[in-house]
């Protein structure tokens, strides 16, 4: 025996149109919320990448402060520079796994200079650059690329007493 719903009134033209309007409204609201969510994710990933790039630079200068056996000051600076670059590259290891064509060696620079605020000391600086526009962690929505940085840069500088380049620190 077939059951009929006799209590429901027949649909009129206005009720059918209301269903169509609801579908259009849902599509517009869904698109707006999706764009908002994707924008939050895009900026969140860019922010996280910036923090990692800065941490890599900080780890690099910390490694430059560690004693490296050497026979003269020039060799000590070179050994500490290599240690700084290696520590920064190690901190960027996850980026090389995400983007196989990312060259962490080229992204890390380390240099020794005279400290501008204390002339008898030396400063070691490590800079790390990540080309975010070329290799975003997640693809940005069209139009959102203009609001993201082309390159993420992290840098750190520490001062070193040149008298302690050849001897383990005190």
C-alpha atoms as a PDB file:
ATOM      1  CA  UNK A   1       0.000   0.000   0.000  1.00  0.00           C
ATOM      2  CA  UNK A   2       1.388   3.318  -1.035  1.00  0.00           C
ATOM      3  CA  UNK A   3       1.439   6.150   1.430  1.00  0.00           C
ATOM      4  CA  UNK A   4       0.860   9.688   0.373  1.00  0.00           C
ATOM      5  CA  UNK A   5       1.631  12.753   2.343  1.00  0.00           C
ATOM      6  CA  UNK A   6      -1.726  14.491   2.147  1.00  0.00           C
ATOM      7  CA  UNK A   7      -0.875  17.200   4.638  1.00  0.00           C
ATOM      8  CA  UNK A   8       1.836  18.868   2.571  1.00  0.00           C
ATOM      9  CA  UNK A   9       0.541  21.618   0.346  1.00  0.00           C
ATOM     10  CA  UNK A  10       1.569  21.511  -3.286  1.00  0.00           C
ATOM     11  CA  UNK A  11       4.617  23.569  -4.185  1.00  0.00           C
ATOM     12  CA  UNK A  12       4.016  26.827  -5.852  1.00  0.00           C
ATOM     13  CA  UNK A  13       6.401  28.693  -8.147  1.00  0.00           C
ATOM     14  CA  UNK A  14       7.661  30.884  -5.291  1.00  0.00           C
ATOM     15  CA  UNK A  15       8.700  27.873  -3.188  1.00  0.00           C
ATOM     16  CA  UNK A  16      10.626  26.376  -6.090  1.00  0.00           C
ATOM     17  CA  UNK A  17      12.447  29.657  -6.705  1.00  0.00           C
ATOM     18  CA  UNK A  18      13.350  29.920  -2.997  1.00  0.00           C
ATOM     19  CA  UNK A  19      15.197  26.609  -3.229  1.00  0.00           C
ATOM     20  CA  UNK A  20      17.256  27.970  -6.125  1.00  0.00           C
ATOM     21  CA  UNK A  21      18.043  31.187  -4.265  1.00  0.00           C
ATOM     22  CA  UNK A  22      19.225  29.195  -1.247  1.00  0.00           C
ATOM     23  CA  UNK A  23      21.602  27.212  -3.451  1.00  0.00           C
ATOM     24  CA  UNK A  24      23.060  30.410  -4.933  1.00  0.00           C
ATOM     25  CA  UNK A  25      23.416  31.991  -1.481  1.00  0.00           C
ATOM     26  CA  UNK A  26      25.152  28.862  -0.204  1.00  0.00           C
ATOM     27  CA  UNK A  27      27.593  28.938  -3.118  1.00  0.00           C
ATOM     28  CA  UNK A  28      28.459  32.597  -2.462  1.00  0.00           C
ATOM     29  CA  UNK A  29      28.878  32.113   1.292  1.00  0.00           C
ATOM     30  CA  UNK A  30      30.897  28.921   0.770  1.00  0.00           C
ATOM     31  CA  UNK A  31      33.209  30.712  -1.655  1.00  0.00           C
ATOM     32  CA  UNK A  32      33.723  33.593   0.788  1.00  0.00           C
ATOM     33  CA  UNK A  33      34.480  31.244   3.700  1.00  0.00           C
ATOM     34  CA  UNK A  34      36.758  29.096   1.549  1.00  0.00           C
ATOM     35  CA  UNK A  35      38.745  32.160   0.448  1.00  0.00           C
ATOM     36  CA  UNK A  36      39.002  33.317   4.066  1.00  0.00           C
ATOM     37  CA  UNK A  37      40.202  29.889   5.236  1.00  0.00           C
ATOM     38  CA  UNK A  38      42.695  29.553   2.371  1.00  0.00           C
ATOM     39  CA  UNK A  39      44.021  33.058   3.056  1.00  0.00           C
ATOM     40  CA  UNK A  40      44.537  32.204   6.729  1.00  0.00           C
ATOM     41  CA  UNK A  41      46.369  29.004   5.755  1.00  0.00           C
ATOM     42  CA  UNK A  42      48.519  30.806   3.184  1.00  0.00           C
ATOM     43  CA  UNK A  43      49.579  33.535   5.601  1.00  0.00           C
ATOM     44  CA  UNK A  44      50.041  30.995   8.386  1.00  0.00           C
ATOM     45  CA  UNK A  45      52.428  28.933   6.269  1.00  0.00           C
ATOM     46  CA  UNK A  46      54.310  32.056   5.156  1.00  0.00           C
ATOM     47  CA  UNK A  47      54.613  33.166   8.791  1.00  0.00           C
ATOM     48  CA  UNK A  48      55.852  29.721   9.859  1.00  0.00           C
ATOM     49  CA  UNK A  49      58.402  29.688   7.034  1.00  0.00           C
ATOM     50  CA  UNK A  50      59.635  33.146   8.096  1.00  0.00           C
ATOM     51  CA  UNK A  51      60.090  31.906  11.649  1.00  0.00           C
ATOM     52  CA  UNK A  52      62.043  28.853  10.446  1.00  0.00           C
ATOM     53  CA  UNK A  53      64.278  30.994   8.221  1.00  0.00           C
ATOM     54  CA  UNK A  54      65.035  33.304  11.161  1.00  0.00           C
ATOM     55  CA  UNK A  55      65.678  30.327  13.450  1.00  0.00           C
ATOM     56  CA  UNK A  56      68.110  28.896  10.891  1.00  0.00           C
ATOM     57  CA  UNK A  57      70.088  32.160  10.916  1.00  0.00           C
ATOM     58  CA  UNK A  58      70.121  32.175  14.720  1.00  0.00           C
ATOM     59  CA  UNK A  59      71.297  28.563  14.843  1.00  0.00           C
ATOM     60  CA  UNK A  60      74.041  29.492  12.396  1.00  0.00           C
ATOM     61  CA  UNK A  61      75.487  32.276  14.547  1.00  0.00           C
ATOM     62  CA  UNK A  62      75.239  30.090  17.639  1.00  0.00           C
ATOM     63  CA  UNK A  63      77.291  27.449  15.839  1.00  0.00           C
ATOM     64  CA  UNK A  64      79.861  30.105  14.889  1.00  0.00           C
ATOM     65  CA  UNK A  65      80.402  30.802  18.582  1.00  0.00           C
ATOM     66  CA  UNK A  66      81.439  27.206  19.287  1.00  0.00           C
ATOM     67  CA  UNK A  67      85.139  26.485  19.433  1.00  0.00           C
ATOM     68  CA  UNK A  68      86.618  25.010  16.252  1.00  0.00           C
ATOM     69  CA  UNK A  69      90.202  23.709  16.393  1.00  0.00           C
ATOM     70  CA  UNK A  70      92.507  25.811  14.204  1.00  0.00           C
ATOM     71  CA  UNK A  71      96.126  26.918  14.029  1.00  0.00           C
ATOM     72  CA  UNK A  72      95.553  30.604  13.263  1.00  0.00           C
ATOM     73  CA  UNK A  73      92.766  33.195  13.397  1.00  0.00           C
ATOM     74  CA  UNK A  74      92.000  33.026   9.663  1.00  0.00           C
ATOM     75  CA  UNK A  75      91.563  29.245   9.805  1.00  0.00           C
ATOM     76  CA  UNK A  76      89.445  29.616  12.958  1.00  0.00           C
ATOM     77  CA  UNK A  77      87.118  32.095  11.193  1.00  0.00           C
ATOM     78  CA  UNK A  78      86.829  29.780   8.182  1.00  0.00           C
ATOM     79  CA  UNK A  79      86.061  26.770  10.380  1.00  0.00           C
ATOM     80  CA  UNK A  80      83.465  28.723  12.337  1.00  0.00           C
ATOM     81  CA  UNK A  81      81.949  30.040   9.109  1.00  0.00           C
ATOM     82  CA  UNK A  82      81.617  26.490   7.789  1.00  0.00           C
ATOM     83  CA  UNK A  83      80.045  25.387  11.076  1.00  0.00           C
ATOM     84  CA  UNK A  84      77.608  28.311  10.912  1.00  0.00           C
ATOM     85  CA  UNK A  85      76.579  27.511   7.341  1.00  0.00           C
ATOM     86  CA  UNK A  86      76.198  23.801   8.174  1.00  0.00           C
ATOM     87  CA  UNK A  87      73.994  24.523  11.199  1.00  0.00           C
ATOM     88  CA  UNK A  88      71.796  26.906   9.201  1.00  0.00           C
ATOM     89  CA  UNK A  89      71.483  24.390   6.341  1.00  0.00           C
ATOM     90  CA  UNK A  90      70.545  21.684   8.838  1.00  0.00           C
ATOM     91  CA  UNK A  91      67.760  23.908  10.186  1.00  0.00           C
ATOM     92  CA  UNK A  92      66.453  24.304   6.621  1.00  0.00           C
ATOM     93  CA  UNK A  93      66.445  20.556   5.980  1.00  0.00           C
ATOM     94  CA  UNK A  94      62.652  20.307   5.984  1.00  0.00           C
ATOM     95  CA  UNK A  95      62.453  22.904   3.183  1.00  0.00           C
ATOM     96  CA  UNK A  96      64.687  20.773   0.980  1.00  0.00           C
ATOM     97  CA  UNK A  97      62.323  17.864   1.598  1.00  0.00           C
ATOM     98  CA  UNK A  98      59.267  19.953   0.718  1.00  0.00           C
ATOM     99  CA  UNK A  99      60.907  21.521  -2.352  1.00  0.00           C
ATOM    100  CA  UNK A 100      63.509  19.204  -3.829  1.00  0.00           C
ATOM    101  CA  UNK A 101      64.907  21.970  -6.052  1.00  0.00           C
ATOM    102  CA  UNK A 102      65.543  24.368  -3.122  1.00  0.00           C
ATOM    103  CA  UNK A 103      69.298  24.902  -2.777  1.00  0.00           C
ATOM    104  CA  UNK A 104      69.994  25.436   0.928  1.00  0.00           C
ATOM    105  CA  UNK A 105      73.708  25.988   0.224  1.00  0.00           C
ATOM    106  CA  UNK A 106      72.968  29.049  -1.895  1.00  0.00           C
ATOM    107  CA  UNK A 107      70.370  30.315   0.584  1.00  0.00           C
ATOM    108  CA  UNK A 108      72.820  30.651   3.499  1.00  0.00           C
ATOM    109  CA  UNK A 109      75.550  33.291   3.711  1.00  0.00           C
ATOM    110  CA  UNK A 110      77.928  33.945   6.588  1.00  0.00           C
ATOM    111  CA  UNK A 111      80.397  36.807   6.960  1.00  0.00           C
ATOM    112  CA  UNK A 112      82.809  38.276   9.497  1.00  0.00           C
ATOM    113  CA  UNK A 113      83.063  42.037  10.010  1.00  0.00           C
ATOM    114  CA  UNK A 114      84.322  44.474  12.594  1.00  0.00           C
ATOM    115  CA  UNK A 115      81.565  45.291  15.055  1.00  0.00           C
ATOM    116  CA  UNK A 116      80.407  48.874  14.499  1.00  0.00           C
ATOM    117  CA  UNK A 117      79.624  49.379  18.183  1.00  0.00           C
ATOM    118  CA  UNK A 118      82.772  47.756  19.629  1.00  0.00           C
ATOM    119  CA  UNK A 119      85.769  48.089  17.311  1.00  0.00           C
ATOM    120  CA  UNK A 120      88.047  45.604  19.085  1.00  0.00           C
ATOM    121  CA  UNK A 121      85.529  42.764  18.633  1.00  0.00           C
ATOM    122  CA  UNK A 122      84.380  40.997  15.492  1.00  0.00           C
ATOM    123  CA  UNK A 123      80.823  40.262  14.415  1.00  0.00           C
ATOM    124  CA  UNK A 124      79.691  37.152  12.617  1.00  0.00           C
ATOM    125  CA  UNK A 125      76.493  37.514  10.599  1.00  0.00           C
ATOM    126  CA  UNK A 126      74.420  34.750   9.063  1.00  0.00           C
ATOM    127  CA  UNK A 127      71.677  35.497   6.553  1.00  0.00           C
ATOM    128  CA  UNK A 128      69.195  32.981   5.175  1.00  0.00           C
ATOM    129  CA  UNK A 129      66.991  33.685   2.164  1.00  0.00           C
ATOM    130  CA  UNK A 130      64.027  31.669   0.929  1.00  0.00           C
ATOM    131  CA  UNK A 131      62.367  32.620  -2.388  1.00  0.00           C
ATOM    132  CA  UNK A 132      58.755  32.265  -1.250  1.00  0.00           C
ATOM    133  CA  UNK A 133      57.230  33.604  -4.482  1.00  0.00           C
ATOM    134  CA  UNK A 134      58.986  30.894  -6.507  1.00  0.00           C
ATOM    135  CA  UNK A 135      58.377  28.093  -3.995  1.00  0.00           C
ATOM    136  CA  UNK A 136      55.310  28.723  -1.837  1.00  0.00           C
ATOM    137  CA  UNK A 137      54.509  26.051   0.717  1.00  0.00           C
ATOM    138  CA  UNK A 138      50.885  25.995  -0.413  1.00  0.00           C
ATOM    139  CA  UNK A 139      49.677  27.607  -3.618  1.00  0.00           C
ATOM    140  CA  UNK A 140      48.094  31.013  -2.998  1.00  0.00           C
ATOM    141  CA  UNK A 141      44.768  31.997  -4.464  1.00  0.00           C
ATOM    142  CA  UNK A 142      44.944  34.155  -7.583  1.00  0.00           C
ATOM    143  CA  UNK A 143      45.416  37.764  -6.546  1.00  0.00           C
ATOM    144  CA  UNK A 144      46.779  36.827  -3.131  1.00  0.00           C
ATOM    145  CA  UNK A 145      50.327  36.523  -4.498  1.00  0.00           C
ATOM    146  CA  UNK A 146      50.730  40.311  -4.558  1.00  0.00           C
ATOM    147  CA  UNK A 147      50.175  40.442  -0.808  1.00  0.00           C
ATOM    148  CA  UNK A 148      52.821  37.809  -0.014  1.00  0.00           C
ATOM    149  CA  UNK A 149      56.548  38.566   0.164  1.00  0.00           C
ATOM    150  CA  UNK A 150      58.694  37.535  -2.784  1.00  0.00           C
ATOM    151  CA  UNK A 151      61.510  36.475  -0.492  1.00  0.00           C
ATOM    152  CA  UNK A 152      61.709  35.576   3.177  1.00  0.00           C
ATOM    153  CA  UNK A 153      64.905  36.699   4.874  1.00  0.00           C
ATOM    154  CA  UNK A 154      66.231  35.896   8.306  1.00  0.00           C
ATOM    155  CA  UNK A 155      69.450  37.277   9.696  1.00  0.00           C
ATOM    156  CA  UNK A 156      71.339  37.139  12.962  1.00  0.00           C
ATOM    157  CA  UNK A 157      74.541  38.745  14.193  1.00  0.00           C
ATOM    158  CA  UNK A 158      76.708  37.970  17.211  1.00  0.00           C
ATOM    159  CA  UNK A 159      79.872  39.551  18.467  1.00  0.00           C
ATOM    160  CA  UNK A 160      82.966  37.460  19.066  1.00  0.00           C
ATOM    161  CA  UNK A 161      86.025  38.348  21.088  1.00  0.00           C
ATOM    162  CA  UNK A 162      88.934  37.739  18.688  1.00  0.00           C
ATOM    163  CA  UNK A 163      91.131  36.713  21.629  1.00  0.00           C
ATOM    164  CA  UNK A 164      88.966  33.600  22.010  1.00  0.00           C
ATOM    165  CA  UNK A 165      89.033  32.441  18.380  1.00  0.00           C
ATOM    166  CA  UNK A 166      91.892  30.016  19.006  1.00  0.00           C
ATOM    167  CA  UNK A 167      91.185  28.987  22.591  1.00  0.00           C
ATOM    168  CA  UNK A 168      88.129  27.239  23.988  1.00  0.00           C
ATOM    169  CA  UNK A 169      85.782  29.874  25.392  1.00  0.00           C
ATOM    170  CA  UNK A 170      85.703  31.269  28.857  1.00  0.00           C
END
